[in-house]
Amino acid sequence: MANPKTLLLLLLLSQLVLMMGGANAADLTYSVTSLGAIADGKTDSTKVFLSAWSKACASVQPAVIYVPAGRFLVQNAAFSGPCKNNAITFRIDGTLVAPSDYRVIGNAGNWILFEHVNGVTISGGLLDGQGTGLWACKASTKSCPRGATTLGFSSSNNIVVNGLASLNSQMFHIVINGCQNVKMQGVKVSASGNSPNTDGIHVQMSSEVTILNSKIATGDDCVSIGPGTTNLWIENVACGPGHGISIGSLGKDSQEDGVQNVTVKTVTFTGTQNGVRIKSWGRPSTGFARNILFQHIVNVNVQNPIVIDQNYCPGNKGCPGQVSGVKISDVIYQDIHGTSATQVAVKFDCSSKYPCSGIKLEDVKLTYKNQAAEASCKYAGGTAAGTVQPTSCL
């Protein structure tokens, strides 16, 4: 039997090891205020945030960057990897504020950017892009910066965004570009209905992206889905005002990756310009959109509840007289209800060279001013099942 003194010594040593582990774990929470950030909304905290990131990224153990309550002024900041661990959490109880002078970050492309990272979580917080000044500049037709995306993820994997709010972005609110395995839930996006190019969430060249339980009110697309998007799931999202959920614009480039395996379900559109839309430029392209499901959609006074537009040609520049090369196939519209703000509630304006194929309408009921709406089809083939109003033109 072991000596009681030896047992006591072993017990003390084990407790000491636990205490040291606890201390190290506590040390791995980097509070931006402890590092010198001042929550007055005026003092530039950019360097402090980047310093917190460099410490968390250099850690071999999981790390937390904590942003307490208050307003923290941050200029454009790129949080770059790869890091030595795959579990960094930004826990935000406060607000990150962009400079009030839109010119400071207006040509930066991104305000806050995560690139080449793996295993980053953003939990809570508000990002205030202060974009109203830039919108006013653009409305006045002056020479203005293009505008910065509020939050960008580029070439990154295993990203979680939970409970984040984005307010008044200069341009797009959130962009997911070249990423894999991204989960966004409980996201709130807010900008006025006349804010230009302020897409809520834009996804491109990415796979395994999920957007859940979110509310997006902005001046442009609620969610925009660009080339190279595969395996995208959108569920329980409220959109309005703005342009609805849009796949496209596709076919901007002649050589382009397609969009496939997209599910959009349990979405409400209120006062939007479009409901569910697929659009492509009217010119040659290798692009495509296929295996798309729109299910359990409610429209409230929506201008174009169901629309495929393959003749997109803004300003009639670069495409007059041409036809879209984008191939659209296997698109299902199931359980789509509500009210259209225009008489034509279902519009399929497809490519004469590559007609839409495999379009399915099932249990669709859309009305216009308490009467049956209309449907319009050009170069579209498919089937209808169940109750379909307006009467199918497929």
Foldseek 3Di string as FASTA:
>chain_A
DDDPVVVVVVVVVVVVVVVVVVVVQVVQEAELVVQPFDQAQPDESAVSVQVNLVVQQADLDEHEYEYAAGETEYFAHEREDDGNYQAYEYEYHYEYEYDLPQVRCLQVQARYEYEPYHNYEYEAYEYEQNQPVQQVCVVVVDDGRNFYAYYEYELYENYEYEHYEYENGNAEDYEYYNYEQYEYENYEYDDDLSRPRHADYEYELYENYEYYHYEHEYNAEPYEYEANYEHYEYENYEYDAYAAYEDDQPDPDQETHEYENYEHAHYEYANYQEHYEYEYDFAHHPYEYAHYEYYHYEYEAYAADAEYYHHDQPPVPPHPPGGYNYAYEQYEYYQYEYEYNDQARAEYDHTPVHAYYAYEYENYAYPYPPHFGHHYHDRYDHYYYYDDTPPDPD
